[in-house]
Amino acid sequence: MALSHRHCRTLCAIFEEPTRSDVKWADFLVLLRTLGAELPKPGKTAGSRQRISLRGRKAVLHKPHPEPAMKKGSVEAARDFLRNAGVTPEKEGCKC
Protein backbone atom coordinates (compact mmCIF):
# COMPACT_ATOMS: atom_id res chain seq x y z
CA MET A 1 0.00 0.00 0.00
CA ALA A 2 1.36 3.39 -0.97
CA LEU A 3 1.60 6.04 1.70
CA SER A 4 0.12 9.49 1.21
CA HIS A 5 2.35 12.55 0.94
CA ARG A 6 1.54 13.44 4.57
CA HIS A 7 2.57 9.98 5.82
CA CYS A 8 5.75 10.05 3.75
CA ARG A 9 6.62 13.46 5.18
CA THR A 10 6.28 12.06 8.72
CA LEU A 11 8.29 8.93 7.89
CA CYS A 12 11.05 10.99 6.27
CA ALA A 13 11.16 13.30 9.28
CA ILE A 14 11.64 10.30 11.59
CA PHE A 15 14.51 8.96 9.48
CA GLU A 16 16.17 12.34 8.91
CA GLU A 17 19.71 12.86 10.21
CA PRO A 18 20.49 14.72 12.41
CA THR A 19 17.54 13.63 14.50
CA ARG A 20 14.66 16.09 14.54
CA SER A 21 12.78 17.16 17.65
CA ASP A 22 9.65 18.50 15.97
CA VAL A 23 7.90 15.26 14.92
CA LYS A 24 4.36 15.37 16.28
CA TRP A 25 3.21 12.32 18.26
CA ALA A 26 -0.24 12.43 16.64
CA ASP A 27 1.32 12.31 13.15
CA PHE A 28 3.46 9.35 14.21
CA LEU A 29 0.37 7.48 15.47
CA VAL A 30 -1.52 8.16 12.23
CA LEU A 31 1.47 6.79 10.28
CA LEU A 32 1.52 3.65 12.44
CA ARG A 33 -2.20 3.04 11.95
CA THR A 34 -1.79 3.46 8.20
CA LEU A 35 1.01 0.89 8.23
CA GLY A 36 -1.32 -1.54 10.05
CA ALA A 37 0.05 -1.26 13.57
CA GLU A 38 -1.94 -2.42 16.56
CA LEU A 39 -2.26 0.31 19.18
CA PRO A 40 -4.20 -1.05 22.14
CA LYS A 41 -5.67 1.51 24.49
CA PRO A 42 -3.41 1.97 27.50
CA GLY A 43 -4.66 0.72 30.85
CA LYS A 44 -5.41 2.90 33.82
CA THR A 45 -1.87 2.65 35.17
CA ALA A 46 0.03 2.90 31.85
CA GLY A 47 0.63 6.62 32.12
CA SER A 48 2.30 7.87 28.98
CA ARG A 49 3.63 4.50 27.81
CA GLN A 50 2.14 3.32 24.51
CA ARG A 51 2.44 -0.31 23.42
CA ILE A 52 2.79 -0.78 19.68
CA SER A 53 2.81 -3.91 17.54
CA LEU A 54 3.77 -3.74 13.86
CA ARG A 55 4.66 -6.59 11.49
CA GLY A 56 5.53 -8.96 14.31
CA ARG A 57 7.63 -6.44 16.23
CA LYS A 58 6.60 -4.93 19.55
CA ALA A 59 7.72 -1.81 21.36
CA VAL A 60 6.73 0.46 24.20
CA LEU A 61 7.22 4.12 23.34
CA HIS A 62 6.76 7.17 25.51
CA LYS A 63 4.02 9.65 24.60
CA PRO A 64 5.35 13.19 25.00
CA HIS A 65 3.69 15.57 27.39
CA PRO A 66 2.74 18.33 27.86
CA GLU A 67 3.98 19.41 24.40
CA PRO A 68 2.86 17.47 21.29
CA ALA A 69 6.32 17.05 19.71
CA MET A 70 8.49 14.01 20.31
CA LYS A 71 11.94 14.53 21.82
CA LYS A 72 15.04 13.38 19.96
CA GLY A 73 15.36 10.20 22.03
CA SER A 74 11.77 9.24 21.26
CA VAL A 75 12.27 9.90 17.55
CA GLU A 76 15.38 7.68 17.60
CA ALA A 77 13.46 4.92 19.40
CA ALA A 78 10.65 5.22 16.84
CA ARG A 79 13.20 5.05 14.00
CA ASP A 80 14.78 1.89 15.46
CA PHE A 81 11.35 0.29 15.94
CA LEU A 82 10.26 1.08 12.37
CA ARG A 83 13.58 -0.14 10.93
CA ASN A 84 13.26 -3.42 12.88
CA ALA A 85 9.72 -3.82 11.54
CA GLY A 86 11.02 -3.41 7.99
CA VAL A 87 9.70 0.11 7.45
CA THR A 88 11.98 2.67 5.82
CA PRO A 89 11.16 5.55 3.49
CA GLU A 90 12.75 3.69 0.57
CA LYS A 91 10.77 0.49 1.15
CA GLU A 92 7.51 2.45 1.46
CA GLY A 93 8.11 4.38 -1.77
CA CYS A 94 8.70 7.77 -0.14
CA LYS A 95 10.96 10.31 -1.79
CA CYS A 96 12.71 12.25 0.94
PDB file of N, CA and C in Angstrom:
ATOM      1  N   MET A   1       0.845  -1.170   0.000  1.00  0.00           N
ATOM      2  CA  MET A   1       0.000   0.000   0.000  1.00  0.00           C
ATOM      3  C   MET A   1       0.898   1.243   0.000  1.00  0.00           C
ATOM      4  N   ALA A   2       0.581   2.159  -0.876  1.00  0.00           N
ATOM      5  CA  ALA A   2       1.357   3.391  -0.968  1.00  0.00           C
ATOM      6  C   ALA A   2       0.917   4.370   0.118  1.00  0.00           C
ATOM      7  N   LEU A   3       1.885   5.050   0.680  1.00  0.00           N
ATOM      8  CA  LEU A   3       1.596   6.039   1.702  1.00  0.00           C
ATOM      9  C   LEU A   3       1.274   7.374   1.044  1.00  0.00           C
ATOM     10  N   SER A   4       0.440   8.159   1.712  1.00  0.00           N
ATOM     11  CA  SER A   4       0.123   9.492   1.215  1.00  0.00           C
ATOM     12  C   SER A   4       1.331  10.410   1.412  1.00  0.00           C
ATOM     13  N   HIS A   5       1.261  11.575   0.805  1.00  0.00           N
ATOM     14  CA  HIS A   5       2.348  12.551   0.942  1.00  0.00           C
ATOM     15  C   HIS A   5       2.549  12.925   2.409  1.00  0.00           C
ATOM     16  N   ARG A   6       1.458  13.081   3.152  1.00  0.00           N
ATOM     17  CA  ARG A   6       1.541  13.443   4.572  1.00  0.00           C
ATOM     18  C   ARG A   6       2.271  12.355   5.368  1.00  0.00           C
ATOM     19  N   HIS A   7       1.927  11.082   5.102  1.00  0.00           N
ATOM     20  CA  HIS A   7       2.567   9.984   5.822  1.00  0.00           C
ATOM     21  C   HIS A   7       4.039   9.870   5.452  1.00  0.00           C
ATOM     22  N   CYS A   8       4.346  10.082   4.175  1.00  0.00           N
ATOM     23  CA  CYS A   8       5.749  10.049   3.748  1.00  0.00           C
ATOM     24  C   CYS A   8       6.543  11.168   4.408  1.00  0.00           C
ATOM     25  N   ARG A   9       5.943  12.335   4.529  1.00  0.00           N
ATOM     26  CA  ARG A   9       6.623  13.459   5.175  1.00  0.00           C
ATOM     27  C   ARG A   9       6.966  13.111   6.625  1.00  0.00           C
ATOM     28  N   THR A  10       6.029  12.466   7.332  1.00  0.00           N
ATOM     29  CA  THR A  10       6.280  12.062   8.719  1.00  0.00           C
ATOM     30  C   THR A  10       7.370  10.993   8.773  1.00  0.00           C
ATOM     31  N   LEU A  11       7.291  10.000   7.904  1.00  0.00           N
ATOM     32  CA  LEU A  11       8.286   8.929   7.887  1.00  0.00           C
ATOM     33  C   LEU A  11       9.678   9.486   7.566  1.00  0.00           C
ATOM     34  N   CYS A  12       9.761  10.384   6.613  1.00  0.00           N
ATOM     35  CA  CYS A  12      11.050  10.987   6.270  1.00  0.00           C
ATOM     36  C   CYS A  12      11.596  11.815   7.429  1.00  0.00           C
ATOM     37  N   ALA A  13      10.722  12.502   8.133  1.00  0.00           N
ATOM     38  CA  ALA A  13      11.164  13.302   9.284  1.00  0.00           C
ATOM     39  C   ALA A  13      11.738  12.406  10.371  1.00  0.00           C
ATOM     40  N   ILE A  14      11.149  11.239  10.571  1.00  0.00           N
ATOM     41  CA  ILE A  14      11.642  10.304  11.592  1.00  0.00           C
ATOM     42  C   ILE A  14      13.019   9.768  11.213  1.00  0.00           C
ATOM     43  N   PHE A  15      13.245   9.535   9.930  1.00  0.00           N
ATOM     44  CA  PHE A  15      14.514   8.963   9.482  1.00  0.00           C
ATOM     45  C   PHE A  15      15.573  10.014   9.151  1.00  0.00           C
ATOM     46  N   GLU A  16      15.226  11.278   9.247  1.00  0.00           N
ATOM     47  CA  GLU A  16      16.169  12.340   8.912  1.00  0.00           C
ATOM     48  C   GLU A  16      17.319  12.398   9.908  1.00  0.00           C
ATOM     49  N   GLU A  17      18.508  12.663   9.387  1.00  0.00           N
ATOM     50  CA  GLU A  17      19.708  12.858  10.212  1.00  0.00           C
ATOM     51  C   GLU A  17      20.206  14.266   9.998  1.00  0.00           C
ATOM     52  N   PRO A  18      20.564  15.030  10.990  1.00  0.00           N
ATOM     53  CA  PRO A  18      20.487  14.722  12.411  1.00  0.00           C
ATOM     54  C   PRO A  18      19.034  14.615  12.876  1.00  0.00           C
ATOM     55  N   THR A  19      18.866  13.929  13.975  1.00  0.00           N
ATOM     56  CA  THR A  19      17.538  13.634  14.498  1.00  0.00           C
ATOM     57  C   THR A  19      16.765  14.910  14.795  1.00  0.00           C
ATOM     58  N   ARG A  20      15.531  14.929  14.326  1.00  0.00           N
ATOM     59  CA  ARG A  20      14.660  16.089  14.541  1.00  0.00           C
ATOM     60  C   ARG A  20      13.949  15.986  15.886  1.00  0.00           C
ATOM     61  N   SER A  21      13.531  17.135  16.384  1.00  0.00           N
ATOM     62  CA  SER A  21      12.783  17.160  17.649  1.00  0.00           C
ATOM     63  C   SER A  21      11.432  17.837  17.469  1.00  0.00           C
ATOM     64  N   ASP A  22      10.930  17.847  16.230  1.00  0.00           N
ATOM     65  CA  ASP A  22       9.646  18.495  15.974  1.00  0.00           C
ATOM     66  C   ASP A  22       8.625  17.550  15.339  1.00  0.00           C
ATOM     67  N   VAL A  23       8.847  16.234  15.448  1.00  0.00           N
ATOM     68  CA  VAL A  23       7.895  15.256  14.924  1.00  0.00           C
ATOM     69  C   VAL A  23       6.727  15.165  15.904  1.00  0.00           C
ATOM     70  N   LYS A  24       5.540  15.384  15.416  1.00  0.00           N
ATOM     71  CA  LYS A  24       4.363  15.369  16.283  1.00  0.00           C
ATOM     72  C   LYS A  24       3.939  13.923  16.565  1.00  0.00           C
ATOM     73  N   TRP A  25       3.628  13.652  17.823  1.00  0.00           N
ATOM     74  CA  TRP A  25       3.213  12.319  18.260  1.00  0.00           C
ATOM     75  C   TRP A  25       1.967  11.871  17.506  1.00  0.00           C
ATOM     76  N   ALA A  26       1.011  12.783  17.336  1.00  0.00           N
ATOM     77  CA  ALA A  26      -0.243  12.434  16.643  1.00  0.00           C
ATOM     78  C   ALA A  26       0.047  12.010  15.205  1.00  0.00           C
ATOM     79  N   ASP A  27       0.963  12.690  14.518  1.00  0.00           N
ATOM     80  CA  ASP A  27       1.322  12.311  13.146  1.00  0.00           C
ATOM     81  C   ASP A  27       1.983  10.940  13.116  1.00  0.00           C
ATOM     82  N   PHE A  28       2.811  10.660  14.104  1.00  0.00           N
ATOM     83  CA  PHE A  28       3.456   9.348  14.208  1.00  0.00           C
ATOM     84  C   PHE A  28       2.416   8.247  14.398  1.00  0.00           C
ATOM     85  N   LEU A  29       1.416   8.475  15.255  1.00  0.00           N
ATOM     86  CA  LEU A  29       0.368   7.475  15.473  1.00  0.00           C
ATOM     87  C   LEU A  29      -0.463   7.241  14.216  1.00  0.00           C
ATOM     88  N   VAL A  30      -0.763   8.302  13.475  1.00  0.00           N
ATOM     89  CA  VAL A  30      -1.516   8.157  12.225  1.00  0.00           C
ATOM     90  C   VAL A  30      -0.705   7.323  11.229  1.00  0.00           C
ATOM     91  N   LEU A  31       0.593   7.578  11.162  1.00  0.00           N
ATOM     92  CA  LEU A  31       1.465   6.791  10.283  1.00  0.00           C
ATOM     93  C   LEU A  31       1.434   5.316  10.674  1.00  0.00           C
ATOM     94  N   LEU A  32       1.542   5.041  11.974  1.00  0.00           N
ATOM     95  CA  LEU A  32       1.522   3.652  12.444  1.00  0.00           C
ATOM     96  C   LEU A  32       0.213   2.959  12.080  1.00  0.00           C
ATOM     97  N   ARG A  33      -0.901   3.638  12.287  1.00  0.00           N
ATOM     98  CA  ARG A  33      -2.202   3.040  11.953  1.00  0.00           C
ATOM     99  C   ARG A  33      -2.299   2.756  10.458  1.00  0.00           C
ATOM    100  N   THR A  34      -1.779   3.652   9.643  1.00  0.00           N
ATOM    101  CA  THR A  34      -1.794   3.463   8.195  1.00  0.00           C
ATOM    102  C   THR A  34      -0.957   2.251   7.795  1.00  0.00           C
ATOM    103  N   LEU A  35       0.141   2.037   8.509  1.00  0.00           N
ATOM    104  CA  LEU A  35       1.008   0.893   8.229  1.00  0.00           C
ATOM    105  C   LEU A  35       0.432  -0.420   8.765  1.00  0.00           C
ATOM    106  N   GLY A  36      -0.668  -0.340   9.529  1.00  0.00           N
ATOM    107  CA  GLY A  36      -1.315  -1.538  10.048  1.00  0.00           C
ATOM    108  C   GLY A  36      -0.924  -1.911  11.461  1.00  0.00           C
ATOM    109  N   ALA A  37      -0.374  -0.980  12.199  1.00  0.00           N
ATOM    110  CA  ALA A  37       0.052  -1.262  13.574  1.00  0.00           C
ATOM    111  C   ALA A  37      -1.142  -1.434  14.495  1.00  0.00           C
ATOM    112  N   GLU A  38      -0.944  -2.255  15.508  1.00  0.00           N
ATOM    113  CA  GLU A  38      -1.938  -2.419  16.564  1.00  0.00           C
ATOM    114  C   GLU A  38      -1.552  -1.503  17.710  1.00  0.00           C
ATOM    115  N   LEU A  39      -2.492  -0.650  18.098  1.00  0.00           N
ATOM    116  CA  LEU A  39      -2.261   0.307  19.177  1.00  0.00           C
ATOM    117  C   LEU A  39      -3.349   0.122  20.220  1.00  0.00           C
ATOM    118  N   PRO A  40      -3.171  -0.842  21.128  1.00  0.00           N
ATOM    119  CA  PRO A  40      -4.203  -1.046  22.144  1.00  0.00           C
ATOM    120  C   PRO A  40      -4.304   0.170  23.057  1.00  0.00           C
ATOM    121  N   LYS A  41      -5.490   0.398  23.566  1.00  0.00           N
ATOM    122  CA  LYS A  41      -5.670   1.512  24.494  1.00  0.00           C
ATOM    123  C   LYS A  41      -4.912   1.204  25.774  1.00  0.00           C
ATOM    124  N   PRO A  42      -4.169   2.206  26.266  1.00  0.00           N
ATOM    125  CA  PRO A  42      -3.410   1.968  27.500  1.00  0.00           C
ATOM    126  C   PRO A  42      -4.337   1.767  28.690  1.00  0.00           C
ATOM    127  N   GLY A  43      -3.876   0.966  29.638  1.00  0.00           N
ATOM    128  CA  GLY A  43      -4.655   0.720  30.849  1.00  0.00           C
ATOM    129  C   GLY A  43      -4.621   1.910  31.784  1.00  0.00           C
ATOM    130  N   LYS A  44      -5.309   1.790  32.884  1.00  0.00           N
ATOM    131  CA  LYS A  44      -5.414   2.900  33.823  1.00  0.00           C
ATOM    132  C   LYS A  44      -4.063   3.295  34.420  1.00  0.00           C
ATOM    133  N   THR A  45      -3.150   2.353  34.541  1.00  0.00           N
ATOM    134  CA  THR A  45      -1.867   2.654  35.171  1.00  0.00           C
ATOM    135  C   THR A  45      -0.726   2.799  34.164  1.00  0.00           C
ATOM    136  N   ALA A  46      -1.020   2.844  32.872  1.00  0.00           N
ATOM    137  CA  ALA A  46       0.028   2.897  31.853  1.00  0.00           C
ATOM    138  C   ALA A  46       0.706   4.255  31.779  1.00  0.00           C
ATOM    139  N   GLY A  47       0.038   5.299  32.217  1.00  0.00           N
ATOM    140  CA  GLY A  47       0.634   6.623  32.123  1.00  0.00           C
ATOM    141  C   GLY A  47       0.843   7.011  30.681  1.00  0.00           C
ATOM    142  N   SER A  48       2.038   7.424  30.336  1.00  0.00           N
ATOM    143  CA  SER A  48       2.299   7.870  28.976  1.00  0.00           C
ATOM    144  C   SER A  48       2.980   6.803  28.119  1.00  0.00           C
ATOM    145  N   ARG A  49       3.038   5.583  28.604  1.00  0.00           N
ATOM    146  CA  ARG A  49       3.629   4.499  27.812  1.00  0.00           C
ATOM    147  C   ARG A  49       2.603   3.983  26.810  1.00  0.00           C
ATOM    148  N   GLN A  50       3.024   3.806  25.573  1.00  0.00           N
ATOM    149  CA  GLN A  50       2.143   3.318  24.515  1.00  0.00           C
ATOM    150  C   GLN A  50       2.736   2.045  23.920  1.00  0.00           C
ATOM    151  N   ARG A  51       1.996   0.941  24.032  1.00  0.00           N
ATOM    152  CA  ARG A  51       2.435  -0.315  23.419  1.00  0.00           C
ATOM    153  C   ARG A  51       2.070  -0.294  21.941  1.00  0.00           C
ATOM    154  N   ILE A  52       2.997  -0.781  21.120  1.00  0.00           N
ATOM    155  CA  ILE A  52       2.789  -0.783  19.678  1.00  0.00           C
ATOM    156  C   ILE A  52       3.244  -2.123  19.130  1.00  0.00           C
ATOM    157  N   SER A  53       2.454  -2.671  18.215  1.00  0.00           N
ATOM    158  CA  SER A  53       2.812  -3.910  17.537  1.00  0.00           C
ATOM    159  C   SER A  53       2.679  -3.675  16.034  1.00  0.00           C
ATOM    160  N   LEU A  54       3.761  -3.959  15.300  1.00  0.00           N
ATOM    161  CA  LEU A  54       3.769  -3.736  13.858  1.00  0.00           C
ATOM    162  C   LEU A  54       4.597  -4.819  13.191  1.00  0.00           C
ATOM    163  N   ARG A  55       3.975  -5.566  12.294  1.00  0.00           N
ATOM    164  CA  ARG A  55       4.664  -6.586  11.488  1.00  0.00           C
ATOM    165  C   ARG A  55       5.481  -7.552  12.339  1.00  0.00           C
ATOM    166  N   GLY A  56       4.889  -7.980  13.439  1.00  0.00           N
ATOM    167  CA  GLY A  56       5.528  -8.957  14.307  1.00  0.00           C
ATOM    168  C   GLY A  56       6.521  -8.383  15.299  1.00  0.00           C
ATOM    169  N   ARG A  57       6.720  -7.113  15.286  1.00  0.00           N
ATOM    170  CA  ARG A  57       7.625  -6.440  16.234  1.00  0.00           C
ATOM    171  C   ARG A  57       6.801  -5.674  17.257  1.00  0.00           C
ATOM    172  N   LYS A  58       7.307  -5.636  18.479  1.00  0.00           N
ATOM    173  CA  LYS A  58       6.603  -4.931  19.546  1.00  0.00           C
ATOM    174  C   LYS A  58       7.537  -3.931  20.203  1.00  0.00           C
ATOM    175  N   ALA A  59       6.938  -2.838  20.667  1.00  0.00           N
ATOM    176  CA  ALA A  59       7.723  -1.811  21.356  1.00  0.00           C
ATOM    177  C   ALA A  59       6.816  -1.062  22.313  1.00  0.00           C
ATOM    178  N   VAL A  60       7.433  -0.437  23.292  1.00  0.00           N
ATOM    179  CA  VAL A  60       6.731   0.464  24.196  1.00  0.00           C
ATOM    180  C   VAL A  60       7.427   1.814  24.052  1.00  0.00           C
ATOM    181  N   LEU A  61       6.675   2.785  23.542  1.00  0.00           N
ATOM    182  CA  LEU A  61       7.222   4.122  23.339  1.00  0.00           C
ATOM    183  C   LEU A  61       6.551   5.099  24.290  1.00  0.00           C
ATOM    184  N   HIS A  62       7.226   6.177  24.549  1.00  0.00           N
ATOM    185  CA  HIS A  62       6.761   7.166  25.511  1.00  0.00           C
ATOM    186  C   HIS A  62       6.048   8.307  24.799  1.00  0.00           C
ATOM    187  N   LYS A  63       4.786   8.536  25.157  1.00  0.00           N
ATOM    188  CA  LYS A  63       4.022   9.645  24.605  1.00  0.00           C
ATOM    189  C   LYS A  63       4.518  10.938  25.250  1.00  0.00           C
ATOM    190  N   PRO A  64       4.852  11.942  24.426  1.00  0.00           N
ATOM    191  CA  PRO A  64       5.349  13.193  24.997  1.00  0.00           C
ATOM    192  C   PRO A  64       4.246  13.982  25.696  1.00  0.00           C
ATOM    193  N   HIS A  65       4.638  14.687  26.707  1.00  0.00           N
ATOM    194  CA  HIS A  65       3.694  15.574  27.392  1.00  0.00           C
ATOM    195  C   HIS A  65       4.484  16.635  28.122  1.00  0.00           C
ATOM    196  N   PRO A  66       4.041  17.806  28.297  1.00  0.00           N
ATOM    197  CA  PRO A  66       2.744  18.332  27.856  1.00  0.00           C
ATOM    198  C   PRO A  66       2.756  18.809  26.410  1.00  0.00           C
ATOM    199  N   GLU A  67       3.941  18.947  25.781  1.00  0.00           N
ATOM    200  CA  GLU A  67       3.982  19.410  24.404  1.00  0.00           C
ATOM    201  C   GLU A  67       3.735  18.249  23.439  1.00  0.00           C
ATOM    202  N   PRO A  68       3.224  18.541  22.230  1.00  0.00           N
ATOM    203  CA  PRO A  68       2.861  17.471  21.287  1.00  0.00           C
ATOM    204  C   PRO A  68       4.026  16.872  20.507  1.00  0.00           C
ATOM    205  N   ALA A  69       5.189  17.525  20.507  1.00  0.00           N
ATOM    206  CA  ALA A  69       6.323  17.053  19.705  1.00  0.00           C
ATOM    207  C   ALA A  69       7.157  16.034  20.473  1.00  0.00           C
ATOM    208  N   MET A  70       7.639  15.046  19.731  1.00  0.00           N
ATOM    209  CA  MET A  70       8.493  14.012  20.309  1.00  0.00           C
ATOM    210  C   MET A  70       9.901  14.574  20.510  1.00  0.00           C
ATOM    211  N   LYS A  71      10.556  14.137  21.574  1.00  0.00           N
ATOM    212  CA  LYS A  71      11.939  14.532  21.819  1.00  0.00           C
ATOM    213  C   LYS A  71      12.853  13.666  20.953  1.00  0.00           C
ATOM    214  N   LYS A  72      14.103  14.085  20.830  1.00  0.00           N
ATOM    215  CA  LYS A  72      15.039  13.379  19.957  1.00  0.00           C
ATOM    216  C   LYS A  72      15.178  11.906  20.319  1.00  0.00           C
ATOM    217  N   GLY A  73      15.240  11.600  21.600  1.00  0.00           N
ATOM    218  CA  GLY A  73      15.364  10.203  22.027  1.00  0.00           C
ATOM    219  C   GLY A  73      14.170   9.370  21.616  1.00  0.00           C
ATOM    220  N   SER A  74      12.984   9.944  21.681  1.00  0.00           N
ATOM    221  CA  SER A  74      11.770   9.236  21.265  1.00  0.00           C
ATOM    222  C   SER A  74      11.746   9.033  19.759  1.00  0.00           C
ATOM    223  N   VAL A  75      12.206  10.028  19.012  1.00  0.00           N
ATOM    224  CA  VAL A  75      12.266   9.896  17.554  1.00  0.00           C
ATOM    225  C   VAL A  75      13.258   8.794  17.179  1.00  0.00           C
ATOM    226  N   GLU A  76      14.394   8.737  17.878  1.00  0.00           N
ATOM    227  CA  GLU A  76      15.378   7.684  17.603  1.00  0.00           C
ATOM    228  C   GLU A  76      14.829   6.305  17.941  1.00  0.00           C
ATOM    229  N   ALA A  77      14.080   6.193  19.036  1.00  0.00           N
ATOM    230  CA  ALA A  77      13.461   4.915  19.399  1.00  0.00           C
ATOM    231  C   ALA A  77      12.422   4.521  18.356  1.00  0.00           C
ATOM    232  N   ALA A  78      11.651   5.493  17.877  1.00  0.00           N
ATOM    233  CA  ALA A  78      10.652   5.220  16.839  1.00  0.00           C
ATOM    234  C   ALA A  78      11.338   4.771  15.554  1.00  0.00           C
ATOM    235  N   ARG A  79      12.447   5.414  15.207  1.00  0.00           N
ATOM    236  CA  ARG A  79      13.200   5.046  14.002  1.00  0.00           C
ATOM    237  C   ARG A  79      13.708   3.613  14.111  1.00  0.00           C
ATOM    238  N   ASP A  80      14.279   3.255  15.253  1.00  0.00           N
ATOM    239  CA  ASP A  80      14.775   1.889  15.456  1.00  0.00           C
ATOM    240  C   ASP A  80      13.641   0.874  15.365  1.00  0.00           C
ATOM    241  N   PHE A  81      12.509   1.194  15.979  1.00  0.00           N
ATOM    242  CA  PHE A  81      11.354   0.290  15.939  1.00  0.00           C
ATOM    243  C   PHE A  81      10.879   0.098  14.499  1.00  0.00           C
ATOM    244  N   LEU A  82      10.723   1.188  13.759  1.00  0.00           N
ATOM    245  CA  LEU A  82      10.261   1.082  12.369  1.00  0.00           C
ATOM    246  C   LEU A  82      11.259   0.306  11.517  1.00  0.00           C
ATOM    247  N   ARG A  83      12.542   0.575  11.701  1.00  0.00           N
ATOM    248  CA  ARG A  83      13.578  -0.136  10.933  1.00  0.00           C
ATOM    249  C   ARG A  83      13.518  -1.635  11.232  1.00  0.00           C
ATOM    250  N   ASN A  84      13.356  -2.008  12.502  1.00  0.00           N
ATOM    251  CA  ASN A  84      13.264  -3.421  12.882  1.00  0.00           C
ATOM    252  C   ASN A  84      12.012  -4.082  12.322  1.00  0.00           C
ATOM    253  N   ALA A  85      10.961  -3.287  12.119  1.00  0.00           N
ATOM    254  CA  ALA A  85       9.718  -3.815  11.542  1.00  0.00           C
ATOM    255  C   ALA A  85       9.768  -3.824  10.014  1.00  0.00           C
ATOM    256  N   GLY A  86      10.877  -3.392   9.439  1.00  0.00           N
ATOM    257  CA  GLY A  86      11.023  -3.408   7.988  1.00  0.00           C
ATOM    258  C   GLY A  86      10.427  -2.196   7.302  1.00  0.00           C
ATOM    259  N   VAL A  87      10.272  -1.113   8.026  1.00  0.00           N
ATOM    260  CA  VAL A  87       9.700   0.108   7.454  1.00  0.00           C
ATOM    261  C   VAL A  87      10.798   1.152   7.326  1.00  0.00           C
ATOM    262  N   THR A  88      11.062   1.566   6.094  1.00  0.00           N
ATOM    263  CA  THR A  88      11.982   2.672   5.823  1.00  0.00           C
ATOM    264  C   THR A  88      11.339   3.509   4.722  1.00  0.00           C
ATOM    265  N   PRO A  89      11.740   4.745   4.568  1.00  0.00           N
ATOM    266  CA  PRO A  89      11.156   5.551   3.488  1.00  0.00           C
ATOM    267  C   PRO A  89      11.346   4.914   2.108  1.00  0.00           C
ATOM    268  N   GLU A  90      12.494   4.312   1.867  1.00  0.00           N
ATOM    269  CA  GLU A  90      12.745   3.694   0.568  1.00  0.00           C
ATOM    270  C   GLU A  90      11.804   2.514   0.308  1.00  0.00           C
ATOM    271  N   LYS A  91      11.634   1.670   1.301  1.00  0.00           N
ATOM    272  CA  LYS A  91      10.771   0.487   1.149  1.00  0.00           C
ATOM    273  C   LYS A  91       9.307   0.857   0.994  1.00  0.00           C
ATOM    274  N   GLU A  92       8.912   2.010   1.535  1.00  0.00           N
ATOM    275  CA  GLU A  92       7.514   2.448   1.465  1.00  0.00           C
ATOM    276  C   GLU A  92       7.251   3.356   0.272  1.00  0.00           C
ATOM    277  N   GLY A  93       8.279   3.583  -0.553  1.00  0.00           N
ATOM    278  CA  GLY A  93       8.107   4.384  -1.767  1.00  0.00           C
ATOM    279  C   GLY A  93       8.086   5.890  -1.532  1.00  0.00           C
ATOM    280  N   CYS A  94       8.669   6.335  -0.443  1.00  0.00           N
ATOM    281  CA  CYS A  94       8.700   7.773  -0.138  1.00  0.00           C
ATOM    282  C   CYS A  94       9.966   8.392  -0.711  1.00  0.00           C
ATOM    283  N   LYS A  95       9.821   9.574  -1.254  1.00  0.00           N
ATOM    284  CA  LYS A  95      10.964  10.311  -1.790  1.00  0.00           C
ATOM    285  C   LYS A  95      11.289  11.437  -0.832  1.00  0.00           C
ATOM    286  N   CYS A  96      12.339  11.247  -0.076  1.00  0.00           N
ATOM    287  CA  CYS A  96      12.712  12.254   0.935  1.00  0.00           C
ATOM    288  C   CYS A  96      13.657  13.280   0.364  1.00  0.00           C
TER     289      CYS A  96
END
